[in-house]
Structures are given as C-alpha cells and as structure tokens.
Amino acid sequence: MYSEKVMDHFSNPRNVGEIENPDGVGEVGNASCGDIMKIFLKVENDVITDVKFKTFGCGAAIAPSSMVTEMAIGKTIEEALALSNQAVAEALDGLPAQKMHFSNLAADSLHEAIKNYRATHP
C-alpha cells in the first residue's frame, strides 16, 4: 500500500521538532481527519537554512511532512514556494489516492510558513 520511501520517512522522520525563534511558522490542518502540520523555518540571505516540523496524524501525514522539510532545506524562498503537492507525493514514490491530501497539507504548511516569513521580514 505504501512505498518504501513513505515507510522510511514515517519510521525515521527527518527534521522533527521546533526551531527556537523561527523566521517563519506555518500551520495547516484538516478538520475532517484531524491531521495538523506545523512547519518552522530559519532563513538566511533568502535561503532556507533549517526546517523543522511537528505533525499530529498518521504515517501518511508524517512522511510528507518529513519529505517536504528535506526538499526545502537549501532552497531559496522562491524555489521553496514552487514545491508543489505533486512534487512531494512524487518524491515519496506516490501515496494511495485516499491519502494524497496529506501531500497537500505538507506543501501548504511550507507555503504558509513562507507567507509568515515574508509578513514578518519585509
């Protein structure tokens, strides 16, 4: 049902936690399933230098959160904004159709953190 990459990012999630004094924070949730994702960013010279996440949810929520943090580190703000829900799912070698909305939550929480960064660092 799940790819090896999904299982790896679920079993061994990367970048879990919180950043003290983050430059941006984004949180999204899906009330219908109860999953909530929160992403914290550190940015230097318009480049994301650190990303951490906290996710309340199942493995299909944790794996995309882990993957999106891996994909965002080292990218400029503009490059990170271009990371799509589909790109997250593809990086995980796909998710079952009924679980695809979790890749949306991961990319959306990253985008919300970037919006927060831009609002607080004009």
PDB file of N, CA and C in Angstrom:
ATOM      1  N   MET A   1       0.824  -1.200   0.000  1.00  0.00           N
ATOM      2  CA  MET A   1       0.000   0.000   0.000  1.00  0.00           C
ATOM      3  C   MET A   1       0.871   1.269   0.000  1.00  0.00           C
ATOM      4  N   TYR A   2       1.948   1.289   0.824  1.00  0.00           N
ATOM      5  CA  TYR A   2       2.838   2.450   0.881  1.00  0.00           C
ATOM      6  C   TYR A   2       4.196   2.092   0.296  1.00  0.00           C
ATOM      7  N   SER A   3       4.833   3.081  -0.342  1.00  0.00           N
ATOM      8  CA  SER A   3       6.160   2.860  -0.917  1.00  0.00           C
ATOM      9  C   SER A   3       7.199   2.736   0.197  1.00  0.00           C
ATOM     10  N   GLU A   4       8.379   2.237  -0.167  1.00  0.00           N
ATOM     11  CA  GLU A   4       9.472   2.133   0.797  1.00  0.00           C
ATOM     12  C   GLU A   4       9.859   3.513   1.326  1.00  0.00           C
ATOM     13  N   LYS A   5       9.810   4.535   0.462  1.00  0.00           N
ATOM     14  CA  LYS A   5      10.162   5.885   0.904  1.00  0.00           C
ATOM     15  C   LYS A   5       9.165   6.421   1.925  1.00  0.00           C
ATOM     16  N   VAL A   6       7.887   6.159   1.710  1.00  0.00           N
ATOM     17  CA  VAL A   6       6.880   6.587   2.684  1.00  0.00           C
ATOM     18  C   VAL A   6       7.149   5.908   4.020  1.00  0.00           C
ATOM     19  N   MET A   7       7.381   4.612   3.978  1.00  0.00           N
ATOM     20  CA  MET A   7       7.625   3.868   5.213  1.00  0.00           C
ATOM     21  C   MET A   7       8.902   4.342   5.910  1.00  0.00           C
ATOM     22  N   ASP A   8       9.929   4.671   5.125  1.00  0.00           N
ATOM     23  CA  ASP A   8      11.183   5.159   5.706  1.00  0.00           C
ATOM     24  C   ASP A   8      10.976   6.513   6.381  1.00  0.00           C
ATOM     25  N   HIS A   9      10.289   7.441   5.712  1.00  0.00           N
ATOM     26  CA  HIS A   9      10.062   8.773   6.289  1.00  0.00           C
ATOM     27  C   HIS A   9       9.079   8.719   7.462  1.00  0.00           C
ATOM     28  N   PHE A  10       8.225   7.718   7.487  1.00  0.00           N
ATOM     29  CA  PHE A  10       7.342   7.535   8.638  1.00  0.00           C
ATOM     30  C   PHE A  10       8.119   6.948   9.815  1.00  0.00           C
ATOM     31  N   SER A  11       8.900   5.913   9.549  1.00  0.00           N
ATOM     32  CA  SER A  11       9.641   5.227  10.607  1.00  0.00           C
ATOM     33  C   SER A  11      10.832   6.033  11.118  1.00  0.00           C
ATOM     34  N   ASN A  12      11.426   6.819  10.222  1.00  0.00           N
ATOM     35  CA  ASN A  12      12.616   7.612  10.553  1.00  0.00           C
ATOM     36  C   ASN A  12      12.431   9.048  10.065  1.00  0.00           C
ATOM     37  N   PRO A  13      11.468   9.764  10.614  1.00  0.00           N
ATOM     38  CA  PRO A  13      11.208  11.115  10.106  1.00  0.00           C
ATOM     39  C   PRO A  13      12.409  12.041  10.314  1.00  0.00           C
ATOM     40  N   ARG A  14      12.648  12.870   9.318  1.00  0.00           N
ATOM     41  CA  ARG A  14      13.740  13.835   9.367  1.00  0.00           C
ATOM     42  C   ARG A  14      13.204  15.171   9.858  1.00  0.00           C
ATOM     43  N   ASN A  15      14.054  15.920  10.542  1.00  0.00           N
ATOM     44  CA  ASN A  15      13.766  17.315  10.904  1.00  0.00           C
ATOM     45  C   ASN A  15      12.548  17.496  11.799  1.00  0.00           C
ATOM     46  N   VAL A  16      12.338  16.569  12.712  1.00  0.00           N
ATOM     47  CA  VAL A  16      11.221  16.668  13.648  1.00  0.00           C
ATOM     48  C   VAL A  16      11.593  17.645  14.754  1.00  0.00           C
ATOM     49  N   GLY A  17      10.646  18.459  15.138  1.00  0.00           N
ATOM     50  CA  GLY A  17      10.864  19.348  16.272  1.00  0.00           C
ATOM     51  C   GLY A  17      10.432  20.764  15.983  1.00  0.00           C
ATOM     52  N   GLU A  18      10.999  21.651  16.774  1.00  0.00           N
ATOM     53  CA  GLU A  18      10.649  23.061  16.709  1.00  0.00           C
ATOM     54  C   GLU A  18      11.934  23.857  16.633  1.00  0.00           C
ATOM     55  N   ILE A  19      11.915  24.972  15.926  1.00  0.00           N
ATOM     56  CA  ILE A  19      13.060  25.874  15.871  1.00  0.00           C
ATOM     57  C   ILE A  19      12.796  27.015  16.843  1.00  0.00           C
ATOM     58  N   GLU A  20      13.759  27.246  17.718  1.00  0.00           N
ATOM     59  CA  GLU A  20      13.640  28.371  18.640  1.00  0.00           C
ATOM     60  C   GLU A  20      13.817  29.668  17.854  1.00  0.00           C
ATOM     61  N   ASN A  21      12.943  30.612  18.076  1.00  0.00           N
ATOM     62  CA  ASN A  21      12.954  31.897  17.356  1.00  0.00           C
ATOM     63  C   ASN A  21      12.954  31.703  15.839  1.00  0.00           C
ATOM     64  N   PRO A  22      11.957  31.023  15.304  1.00  0.00           N
ATOM     65  CA  PRO A  22      11.909  30.782  13.853  1.00  0.00           C
ATOM     66  C   PRO A  22      11.667  32.079  13.087  1.00  0.00           C
ATOM     67  N   ASP A  23      12.089  32.071  11.836  1.00  0.00           N
ATOM     68  CA  ASP A  23      11.833  33.214  10.955  1.00  0.00           C
ATOM     69  C   ASP A  23      10.442  33.128  10.339  1.00  0.00           C
ATOM     70  N   GLY A  24       9.884  31.941  10.281  1.00  0.00           N
ATOM     71  CA  GLY A  24       8.535  31.750   9.755  1.00  0.00           C
ATOM     72  C   GLY A  24       7.920  30.488  10.312  1.00  0.00           C
ATOM     73  N   VAL A  25       6.601  30.536  10.532  1.00  0.00           N
ATOM     74  CA  VAL A  25       5.860  29.372  11.033  1.00  0.00           C
ATOM     75  C   VAL A  25       4.590  29.238  10.209  1.00  0.00           C
ATOM     76  N   GLY A  26       4.295  28.036   9.778  1.00  0.00           N
ATOM     77  CA  GLY A  26       3.065  27.770   9.047  1.00  0.00           C
ATOM     78  C   GLY A  26       2.356  26.569   9.619  1.00  0.00           C
ATOM     79  N   GLU A  27       1.048  26.687   9.774  1.00  0.00           N
ATOM     80  CA  GLU A  27       0.265  25.571  10.308  1.00  0.00           C
ATOM     81  C   GLU A  27      -0.978  25.397   9.464  1.00  0.00           C
ATOM     82  N   VAL A  28      -1.224  24.167   9.089  1.00  0.00           N
ATOM     83  CA  VAL A  28      -2.448  23.824   8.367  1.00  0.00           C
ATOM     84  C   VAL A  28      -3.014  22.563   8.985  1.00  0.00           C
ATOM     85  N   GLY A  29      -4.307  22.397   8.816  1.00  0.00           N
ATOM     86  CA  GLY A  29      -4.947  21.206   9.351  1.00  0.00           C
ATOM     87  C   GLY A  29      -6.140  20.821   8.522  1.00  0.00           C
ATOM     88  N   ASN A  30      -6.529  19.593   8.681  1.00  0.00           N
ATOM     89  CA  ASN A  30      -7.693  19.065   8.006  1.00  0.00           C
ATOM     90  C   ASN A  30      -8.651  18.590   9.089  1.00  0.00           C
ATOM     91  N   ALA A  31      -9.663  19.401   9.359  1.00  0.00           N
ATOM     92  CA  ALA A  31     -10.594  19.109  10.449  1.00  0.00           C
ATOM     93  C   ALA A  31     -11.316  17.773  10.259  1.00  0.00           C
ATOM     94  N   SER A  32     -11.541  17.384   9.017  1.00  0.00           N
ATOM     95  CA  SER A  32     -12.292  16.151   8.781  1.00  0.00           C
ATOM     96  C   SER A  32     -11.528  14.907   9.216  1.00  0.00           C
ATOM     97  N   CYS A  33     -10.191  14.956   9.152  1.00  0.00           N
ATOM     98  CA  CYS A  33      -9.420  13.777   9.557  1.00  0.00           C
ATOM     99  C   CYS A  33      -8.583  14.029  10.803  1.00  0.00           C
ATOM    100  N   GLY A  34      -8.528  15.274  11.259  1.00  0.00           N
ATOM    101  CA  GLY A  34      -7.833  15.585  12.499  1.00  0.00           C
ATOM    102  C   GLY A  34      -6.334  15.750  12.377  1.00  0.00           C
ATOM    103  N   ASP A  35      -5.791  15.784  11.163  1.00  0.00           N
ATOM    104  CA  ASP A  35      -4.344  15.922  10.982  1.00  0.00           C
ATOM    105  C   ASP A  35      -3.947  17.395  10.972  1.00  0.00           C
ATOM    106  N   ILE A  36      -2.885  17.705  11.690  1.00  0.00           N
ATOM    107  CA  ILE A  36      -2.386  19.073  11.767  1.00  0.00           C
ATOM    108  C   ILE A  36      -0.879  19.045  11.539  1.00  0.00           C
ATOM    109  N   MET A  37      -0.402  19.942  10.673  1.00  0.00           N
ATOM    110  CA  MET A  37       1.027  20.052  10.396  1.00  0.00           C
ATOM    111  C   MET A  37       1.478  21.469  10.685  1.00  0.00           C
ATOM    112  N   LYS A  38       2.637  21.556  11.337  1.00  0.00           N
ATOM    113  CA  LYS A  38       3.223  22.852  11.645  1.00  0.00           C
ATOM    114  C   LYS A  38       4.677  22.809  11.213  1.00  0.00           C
ATOM    115  N   ILE A  39       5.088  23.836  10.454  1.00  0.00           N
ATOM    116  CA  ILE A  39       6.457  23.907   9.953  1.00  0.00           C
ATOM    117  C   ILE A  39       7.110  25.193  10.450  1.00  0.00           C
ATOM    118  N   PHE A  40       8.376  25.065  10.846  1.00  0.00           N
ATOM    119  CA  PHE A  40       9.184  26.175  11.340  1.00  0.00           C
ATOM    120  C   PHE A  40      10.362  26.379  10.391  1.00  0.00           C
ATOM    121  N   LEU A  41      10.662  27.640  10.046  1.00  0.00           N
ATOM    122  CA  LEU A  41      11.749  27.950   9.117  1.00  0.00           C
ATOM    123  C   LEU A  41      12.803  28.842   9.748  1.00  0.00           C
ATOM    124  N   LYS A  42      14.042  28.637   9.321  1.00  0.00           N
ATOM    125  CA  LYS A  42      15.147  29.568   9.541  1.00  0.00           C
ATOM    126  C   LYS A  42      15.620  29.962   8.151  1.00  0.00           C
ATOM    127  N   VAL A  43      15.763  31.268   7.940  1.00  0.00           N
ATOM    128  CA  VAL A  43      16.138  31.777   6.622  1.00  0.00           C
ATOM    129  C   VAL A  43      17.319  32.730   6.767  1.00  0.00           C
ATOM    130  N   GLU A  44      18.312  32.568   5.905  1.00  0.00           N
ATOM    131  CA  GLU A  44      19.455  33.472   5.851  1.00  0.00           C
ATOM    132  C   GLU A  44      19.703  33.835   4.405  1.00  0.00           C
ATOM    133  N   ASN A  45      19.764  35.139   4.136  1.00  0.00           N
ATOM    134  CA  ASN A  45      20.020  35.638   2.777  1.00  0.00           C
ATOM    135  C   ASN A  45      19.073  35.005   1.754  1.00  0.00           C
ATOM    136  N   ASP A  46      17.796  34.913   2.124  1.00  0.00           N
ATOM    137  CA  ASP A  46      16.744  34.401   1.253  1.00  0.00           C
ATOM    138  C   ASP A  46      16.853  32.895   0.971  1.00  0.00           C
ATOM    139  N   VAL A  47      17.664  32.186   1.754  1.00  0.00           N
ATOM    140  CA  VAL A  47      17.815  30.736   1.599  1.00  0.00           C
ATOM    141  C   VAL A  47      17.354  30.064   2.890  1.00  0.00           C
ATOM    142  N   ILE A  48      16.557  29.020   2.749  1.00  0.00           N
ATOM    143  CA  ILE A  48      16.077  28.257   3.904  1.00  0.00           C
ATOM    144  C   ILE A  48      17.234  27.397   4.407  1.00  0.00           C
ATOM    145  N   THR A  49      17.691  27.711   5.625  1.00  0.00           N
ATOM    146  CA  THR A  49      18.837  27.007   6.191  1.00  0.00           C
ATOM    147  C   THR A  49      18.429  25.890   7.142  1.00  0.00           C
ATOM    148  N   ASP A  50      17.206  25.969   7.670  1.00  0.00           N
ATOM    149  CA  ASP A  50      16.740  24.915   8.566  1.00  0.00           C
ATOM    150  C   ASP A  50      15.214  24.866   8.506  1.00  0.00           C
ATOM    151  N   VAL A  51      14.678  23.673   8.609  1.00  0.00           N
ATOM    152  CA  VAL A  51      13.235  23.451   8.638  1.00  0.00           C
ATOM    153  C   VAL A  51      12.977  22.337   9.648  1.00  0.00           C
ATOM    154  N   LYS A  52      11.999  22.555  10.492  1.00  0.00           N
ATOM    155  CA  LYS A  52      11.562  21.523  11.422  1.00  0.00           C
ATOM    156  C   LYS A  52      10.043  21.411  11.300  1.00  0.00           C
ATOM    157  N   PHE A  53       9.516  20.269  11.721  1.00  0.00           N
ATOM    158  CA  PHE A  53       8.063  20.099  11.666  1.00  0.00           C
ATOM    159  C   PHE A  53       7.548  19.354  12.875  1.00  0.00           C
ATOM    160  N   LYS A  54       6.295  19.606  13.164  1.00  0.00           N
ATOM    161  CA  LYS A  54       5.522  18.842  14.134  1.00  0.00           C
ATOM    162  C   LYS A  54       4.228  18.475  13.436  1.00  0.00           C
ATOM    163  N   THR A  55       3.917  17.212  13.432  1.00  0.00           N
ATOM    164  CA  THR A  55       2.697  16.746  12.784  1.00  0.00           C
ATOM    165  C   THR A  55       1.923  15.850  13.732  1.00  0.00           C
ATOM    166  N   PHE A  56       0.641  16.125  13.837  1.00  0.00           N
ATOM    167  CA  PHE A  56      -0.275  15.269  14.574  1.00  0.00           C
ATOM    168  C   PHE A  56      -1.071  14.515  13.529  1.00  0.00           C
ATOM    169  N   GLY A  57      -0.845  13.215  13.423  1.00  0.00           N
ATOM    170  CA  GLY A  57      -1.569  12.445  12.427  1.00  0.00           C
ATOM    171  C   GLY A  57      -0.945  11.086  12.204  1.00  0.00           C
ATOM    172  N   CYS A  58      -1.416  10.437  11.181  1.00  0.00           N
ATOM    173  CA  CYS A  58      -0.981   9.081  10.856  1.00  0.00           C
ATOM    174  C   CYS A  58       0.322   9.109  10.049  1.00  0.00           C
ATOM    175  N   GLY A  59       0.814   7.937   9.715  1.00  0.00           N
ATOM    176  CA  GLY A  59       2.041   7.810   8.940  1.00  0.00           C
ATOM    177  C   GLY A  59       1.978   8.512   7.598  1.00  0.00           C
ATOM    178  N   ALA A  60       0.801   8.513   6.992  1.00  0.00           N
ATOM    179  CA  ALA A  60       0.633   9.174   5.697  1.00  0.00           C
ATOM    180  C   ALA A  60       0.688  10.690   5.839  1.00  0.00           C
ATOM    181  N   ALA A  61       0.596  11.205   7.050  1.00  0.00           N
ATOM    182  CA  ALA A  61       0.763  12.637   7.303  1.00  0.00           C
ATOM    183  C   ALA A  61       2.205  12.946   7.689  1.00  0.00           C
ATOM    184  N   ILE A  62       2.825  12.059   8.452  1.00  0.00           N
ATOM    185  CA  ILE A  62       4.187  12.284   8.925  1.00  0.00           C
ATOM    186  C   ILE A  62       5.193  12.195   7.776  1.00  0.00           C
ATOM    187  N   ALA A  63       5.067  11.221   6.915  1.00  0.00           N
ATOM    188  CA  ALA A  63       6.025  11.039   5.819  1.00  0.00           C
ATOM    189  C   ALA A  63       6.098  12.259   4.892  1.00  0.00           C
ATOM    190  N   PRO A  64       4.971  12.826   4.420  1.00  0.00           N
ATOM    191  CA  PRO A  64       5.073  14.026   3.589  1.00  0.00           C
ATOM    192  C   PRO A  64       5.660  15.223   4.341  1.00  0.00           C
ATOM    193  N   SER A  65       5.379  15.334   5.635  1.00  0.00           N
ATOM    194  CA  SER A  65       5.962  16.422   6.428  1.00  0.00           C
ATOM    195  C   SER A  65       7.485  16.299   6.447  1.00  0.00           C
ATOM    196  N   SER A  66       7.964  15.087   6.693  1.00  0.00           N
ATOM    197  CA  SER A  66       9.397  14.827   6.700  1.00  0.00           C
ATOM    198  C   SER A  66      10.004  15.124   5.330  1.00  0.00           C
ATOM    199  N   MET A  67       9.351  14.646   4.285  1.00  0.00           N
ATOM    200  CA  MET A  67       9.880  14.824   2.927  1.00  0.00           C
ATOM    201  C   MET A  67       9.931  16.294   2.529  1.00  0.00           C
ATOM    202  N   VAL A  68       8.893  17.057   2.832  1.00  0.00           N
ATOM    203  CA  VAL A  68       8.883  18.460   2.412  1.00  0.00           C
ATOM    204  C   VAL A  68       9.992  19.243   3.113  1.00  0.00           C
ATOM    205  N   THR A  69      10.330  18.870   4.352  1.00  0.00           N
ATOM    206  CA  THR A  69      11.439  19.561   5.015  1.00  0.00           C
ATOM    207  C   THR A  69      12.754  19.253   4.303  1.00  0.00           C
ATOM    208  N   GLU A  70      12.945  18.005   3.916  1.00  0.00           N
ATOM    209  CA  GLU A  70      14.156  17.627   3.179  1.00  0.00           C
ATOM    210  C   GLU A  70      14.247  18.367   1.844  1.00  0.00           C
ATOM    211  N   MET A  71      13.119  18.526   1.208  1.00  0.00           N
ATOM    212  CA  MET A  71      13.092  19.185  -0.098  1.00  0.00           C
ATOM    213  C   MET A  71      13.336  20.687   0.013  1.00  0.00           C
ATOM    214  N   ALA A  72      12.973  21.301   1.135  1.00  0.00           N
ATOM    215  CA  ALA A  72      13.048  22.759   1.278  1.00  0.00           C
ATOM    216  C   ALA A  72      14.417  23.265   1.735  1.00  0.00           C
ATOM    217  N   ILE A  73      15.125  22.469   2.517  1.00  0.00           N
ATOM    218  CA  ILE A  73      16.414  22.924   3.048  1.00  0.00           C
ATOM    219  C   ILE A  73      17.383  23.208   1.903  1.00  0.00           C
ATOM    220  N   GLY A  74      17.980  24.408   1.952  1.00  0.00           N
ATOM    221  CA  GLY A  74      18.943  24.812   0.931  1.00  0.00           C
ATOM    222  C   GLY A  74      18.332  25.533  -0.255  1.00  0.00           C
ATOM    223  N   LYS A  75      17.012  25.580  -0.312  1.00  0.00           N
ATOM    224  CA  LYS A  75      16.332  26.260  -1.422  1.00  0.00           C
ATOM    225  C   LYS A  75      16.114  27.730  -1.072  1.00  0.00           C
ATOM    226  N   THR A  76      16.050  28.561  -2.103  1.00  0.00           N
ATOM    227  CA  THR A  76      15.656  29.945  -1.883  1.00  0.00           C
ATOM    228  C   THR A  76      14.166  29.952  -1.566  1.00  0.00           C
ATOM    229  N   ILE A  77      13.698  31.083  -1.061  1.00  0.00           N
ATOM    230  CA  ILE A  77      12.270  31.222  -0.770  1.00  0.00           C
ATOM    231  C   ILE A  77      11.449  30.963  -2.028  1.00  0.00           C
ATOM    232  N   GLU A  78      11.864  31.521  -3.152  1.00  0.00           N
ATOM    233  CA  GLU A  78      11.112  31.326  -4.402  1.00  0.00           C
ATOM    234  C   GLU A  78      11.114  29.868  -4.839  1.00  0.00           C
ATOM    235  N   GLU A  79      12.244  29.198  -4.716  1.00  0.00           N
ATOM    236  CA  GLU A  79      12.311  27.777  -5.078  1.00  0.00           C
ATOM    237  C   GLU A  79      11.413  26.946  -4.162  1.00  0.00           C
ATOM    238  N   ALA A  80      11.390  27.269  -2.877  1.00  0.00           N
ATOM    239  CA  ALA A  80      10.551  26.529  -1.937  1.00  0.00           C
ATOM    240  C   ALA A  80       9.072  26.760  -2.215  1.00  0.00           C
ATOM    241  N   LEU A  81       8.720  27.973  -2.615  1.00  0.00           N
ATOM    242  CA  LEU A  81       7.319  28.253  -2.967  1.00  0.00           C
ATOM    243  C   LEU A  81       6.878  27.439  -4.174  1.00  0.00           C
ATOM    244  N   ALA A  82       7.816  27.072  -5.016  1.00  0.00           N
ATOM    245  CA  ALA A  82       7.483  26.293  -6.218  1.00  0.00           C
ATOM    246  C   ALA A  82       7.289  24.812  -5.915  1.00  0.00           C
ATOM    247  N   LEU A  83       7.647  24.368  -4.698  1.00  0.00           N
ATOM    248  CA  LEU A  83       7.431  22.965  -4.346  1.00  0.00           C
ATOM    249  C   LEU A  83       5.930  22.702  -4.269  1.00  0.00           C
ATOM    250  N   SER A  84       5.488  21.800  -5.077  1.00  0.00           N
ATOM    251  CA  SER A  84       4.052  21.527  -5.172  1.00  0.00           C
ATOM    252  C   SER A  84       3.670  20.281  -4.391  1.00  0.00           C
ATOM    253  N   ASN A  85       2.380  20.140  -4.194  1.00  0.00           N
ATOM    254  CA  ASN A  85       1.844  18.944  -3.557  1.00  0.00           C
ATOM    255  C   ASN A  85       2.232  17.705  -4.346  1.00  0.00           C
ATOM    256  N   GLN A  86       2.158  17.809  -5.650  1.00  0.00           N
ATOM    257  CA  GLN A  86       2.502  16.687  -6.521  1.00  0.00           C
ATOM    258  C   GLN A  86       3.981  16.328  -6.393  1.00  0.00           C
ATOM    259  N   ALA A  87       4.844  17.346  -6.279  1.00  0.00           N
ATOM    260  CA  ALA A  87       6.283  17.090  -6.142  1.00  0.00           C
ATOM    261  C   ALA A  87       6.580  16.326  -4.862  1.00  0.00           C
ATOM    262  N   VAL A  88       5.885  16.660  -3.784  1.00  0.00           N
ATOM    263  CA  VAL A  88       6.073  15.947  -2.509  1.00  0.00           C
ATOM    264  C   VAL A  88       5.647  14.491  -2.663  1.00  0.00           C
ATOM    265  N   ALA A  89       4.489  14.279  -3.261  1.00  0.00           N
ATOM    266  CA  ALA A  89       3.996  12.908  -3.462  1.00  0.00           C
ATOM    267  C   ALA A  89       4.943  12.111  -4.355  1.00  0.00           C
ATOM    268  N   GLU A  90       5.434  12.732  -5.421  1.00  0.00           N
ATOM    269  CA  GLU A  90       6.359  12.041  -6.322  1.00  0.00           C
ATOM    270  C   GLU A  90       7.667  11.699  -5.620  1.00  0.00           C
ATOM    271  N   ALA A  91       8.151  12.603  -4.768  1.00  0.00           N
ATOM    272  CA  ALA A  91       9.399  12.344  -4.040  1.00  0.00           C
ATOM    273  C   ALA A  91       9.259  11.145  -3.108  1.00  0.00           C
ATOM    274  N   LEU A  92       8.032  10.875  -2.670  1.00  0.00           N
ATOM    275  CA  LEU A  92       7.756   9.716  -1.820  1.00  0.00           C
ATOM    276  C   LEU A  92       7.398   8.472  -2.633  1.00  0.00           C
ATOM    277  N   ASP A  93       7.549   8.548  -3.944  1.00  0.00           N
ATOM    278  CA  ASP A  93       7.155   7.465  -4.853  1.00  0.00           C
ATOM    279  C   ASP A  93       5.664   7.191  -4.765  1.00  0.00           C
ATOM    280  N   GLY A  94       4.890   8.257  -4.536  1.00  0.00           N
ATOM    281  CA  GLY A  94       3.435   8.176  -4.554  1.00  0.00           C
ATOM    282  C   GLY A  94       2.825   7.868  -3.205  1.00  0.00           C
ATOM    283  N   LEU A  95       1.564   8.214  -3.111  1.00  0.00           N
ATOM    284  CA  LEU A  95       0.732   7.897  -1.950  1.00  0.00           C
ATOM    285  C   LEU A  95      -0.565   7.300  -2.482  1.00  0.00           C
ATOM    286  N   PRO A  96      -1.217   6.445  -1.717  1.00  0.00           N
ATOM    287  CA  PRO A  96      -2.519   5.937  -2.153  1.00  0.00           C
ATOM    288  C   PRO A  96      -3.481   7.107  -2.392  1.00  0.00           C
ATOM    289  N   ALA A  97      -4.364   6.968  -3.355  1.00  0.00           N
ATOM    290  CA  ALA A  97      -5.270   8.051  -3.741  1.00  0.00           C
ATOM    291  C   ALA A  97      -6.005   8.657  -2.551  1.00  0.00           C
ATOM    292  N   GLN A  98      -6.457   7.816  -1.635  1.00  0.00           N
ATOM    293  CA  GLN A  98      -7.223   8.315  -0.491  1.00  0.00           C
ATOM    294  C   GLN A  98      -6.339   9.051   0.521  1.00  0.00           C
ATOM    295  N   LYS A  99      -5.018   8.999   0.342  1.00  0.00           N
ATOM    296  CA  LYS A  99      -4.083   9.672   1.255  1.00  0.00           C
ATOM    297  C   LYS A  99      -3.361  10.851   0.599  1.00  0.00           C
ATOM    298  N   MET A 100      -3.674  11.157  -0.656  1.00  0.00           N
ATOM    299  CA  MET A 100      -2.978  12.225  -1.374  1.00  0.00           C
ATOM    300  C   MET A 100      -3.134  13.593  -0.712  1.00  0.00           C
ATOM    301  N   HIS A 101      -4.233  13.806   0.000  1.00  0.00           N
ATOM    302  CA  HIS A 101      -4.429  15.116   0.619  1.00  0.00           C
ATOM    303  C   HIS A 101      -3.343  15.430   1.645  1.00  0.00           C
ATOM    304  N   PHE A 102      -2.632  14.430   2.139  1.00  0.00           N
ATOM    305  CA  PHE A 102      -1.561  14.684   3.096  1.00  0.00           C
ATOM    306  C   PHE A 102      -0.380  15.381   2.439  1.00  0.00           C
ATOM    307  N   SER A 103      -0.109  15.058   1.165  1.00  0.00           N
ATOM    308  CA  SER A 103       0.967  15.785   0.487  1.00  0.00           C
ATOM    309  C   SER A 103       0.568  17.244   0.317  1.00  0.00           C
ATOM    310  N   ASN A 104      -0.742  17.493   0.167  1.00  0.00           N
ATOM    311  CA  ASN A 104      -1.228  18.868   0.077  1.00  0.00           C
ATOM    312  C   ASN A 104      -0.973  19.608   1.379  1.00  0.00           C
ATOM    313  N   LEU A 105      -1.251  18.972   2.496  1.00  0.00           N
ATOM    314  CA  LEU A 105      -1.048  19.612   3.787  1.00  0.00           C
ATOM    315  C   LEU A 105       0.427  19.950   3.999  1.00  0.00           C
ATOM    316  N   ALA A 106       1.322  19.067   3.601  1.00  0.00           N
ATOM    317  CA  ALA A 106       2.752  19.301   3.806  1.00  0.00           C
ATOM    318  C   ALA A 106       3.221  20.515   3.003  1.00  0.00           C
ATOM    319  N   ALA A 107       2.921  20.544   1.712  1.00  0.00           N
ATOM    320  CA  ALA A 107       3.337  21.679   0.885  1.00  0.00           C
ATOM    321  C   ALA A 107       2.629  22.949   1.334  1.00  0.00           C
ATOM    322  N   ASP A 108       1.366  22.840   1.686  1.00  0.00           N
ATOM    323  CA  ASP A 108       0.617  24.023   2.131  1.00  0.00           C
ATOM    324  C   ASP A 108       1.196  24.596   3.421  1.00  0.00           C
ATOM    325  N   SER A 109       1.621  23.742   4.348  1.00  0.00           N
ATOM    326  CA  SER A 109       2.191  24.263   5.595  1.00  0.00           C
ATOM    327  C   SER A 109       3.530  24.948   5.331  1.00  0.00           C
ATOM    328  N   LEU A 110       4.317  24.431   4.386  1.00  0.00           N
ATOM    329  CA  LEU A 110       5.554  25.105   3.985  1.00  0.00           C
ATOM    330  C   LEU A 110       5.237  26.470   3.392  1.00  0.00           C
ATOM    331  N   HIS A 111       4.257  26.519   2.514  1.00  0.00           N
ATOM    332  CA  HIS A 111       3.880  27.792   1.878  1.00  0.00           C
ATOM    333  C   HIS A 111       3.367  28.789   2.913  1.00  0.00           C
ATOM    334  N   GLU A 112       2.628  28.303   3.912  1.00  0.00           N
ATOM    335  CA  GLU A 112       2.144  29.187   4.986  1.00  0.00           C
ATOM    336  C   GLU A 112       3.317  29.727   5.811  1.00  0.00           C
ATOM    337  N   ALA A 113       4.311  28.900   6.067  1.00  0.00           N
ATOM    338  CA  ALA A 113       5.490  29.355   6.808  1.00  0.00           C
ATOM    339  C   ALA A 113       6.230  30.434   6.019  1.00  0.00           C
ATOM    340  N   ILE A 114       6.295  30.275   4.707  1.00  0.00           N
ATOM    341  CA  ILE A 114       6.943  31.283   3.864  1.00  0.00           C
ATOM    342  C   ILE A 114       6.135  32.579   3.873  1.00  0.00           C
ATOM    343  N   LYS A 115       4.815  32.474   3.806  1.00  0.00           N
ATOM    344  CA  LYS A 115       3.970  33.681   3.904  1.00  0.00           C
ATOM    345  C   LYS A 115       4.216  34.396   5.217  1.00  0.00           C
ATOM    346  N   ASN A 116       4.294  33.622   6.308  1.00  0.00           N
ATOM    347  CA  ASN A 116       4.557  34.209   7.623  1.00  0.00           C
ATOM    348  C   ASN A 116       5.935  34.864   7.656  1.00  0.00           C
ATOM    349  N   TYR A 117       6.927  34.221   7.072  1.00  0.00           N
ATOM    350  CA  TYR A 117       8.278  34.791   6.993  1.00  0.00           C
ATOM    351  C   TYR A 117       8.242  36.122   6.252  1.00  0.00           C
ATOM    352  N   ARG A 118       7.595  36.156   5.114  1.00  0.00           N
ATOM    353  CA  ARG A 118       7.525  37.391   4.315  1.00  0.00           C
ATOM    354  C   ARG A 118       6.788  38.508   5.057  1.00  0.00           C
ATOM    355  N   ALA A 119       5.757  38.135   5.805  1.00  0.00           N
ATOM    356  CA  ALA A 119       4.985  39.140   6.543  1.00  0.00           C
ATOM    357  C   ALA A 119       5.783  39.721   7.711  1.00  0.00           C
ATOM    358  N   THR A 120       6.658  38.928   8.284  1.00  0.00           N
ATOM    359  CA  THR A 120       7.410  39.387   9.453  1.00  0.00           C
ATOM    360  C   THR A 120       8.827  39.864   9.111  1.00  0.00           C
ATOM    361  N   HIS A 121       9.247  39.681   7.880  1.00  0.00           N
ATOM    362  CA  HIS A 121      10.583  40.104   7.414  1.00  0.00           C
ATOM    363  C   HIS A 121      10.444  40.832   6.077  1.00  0.00           C
ATOM    364  N   PRO A 122       9.858  42.040   6.107  1.00  0.00           N
ATOM    365  CA  PRO A 122       9.618  42.739   4.827  1.00  0.00           C
ATOM    366  C   PRO A 122      10.899  43.155   4.112  1.00  0.00           C
TER     367      PRO A 122
END
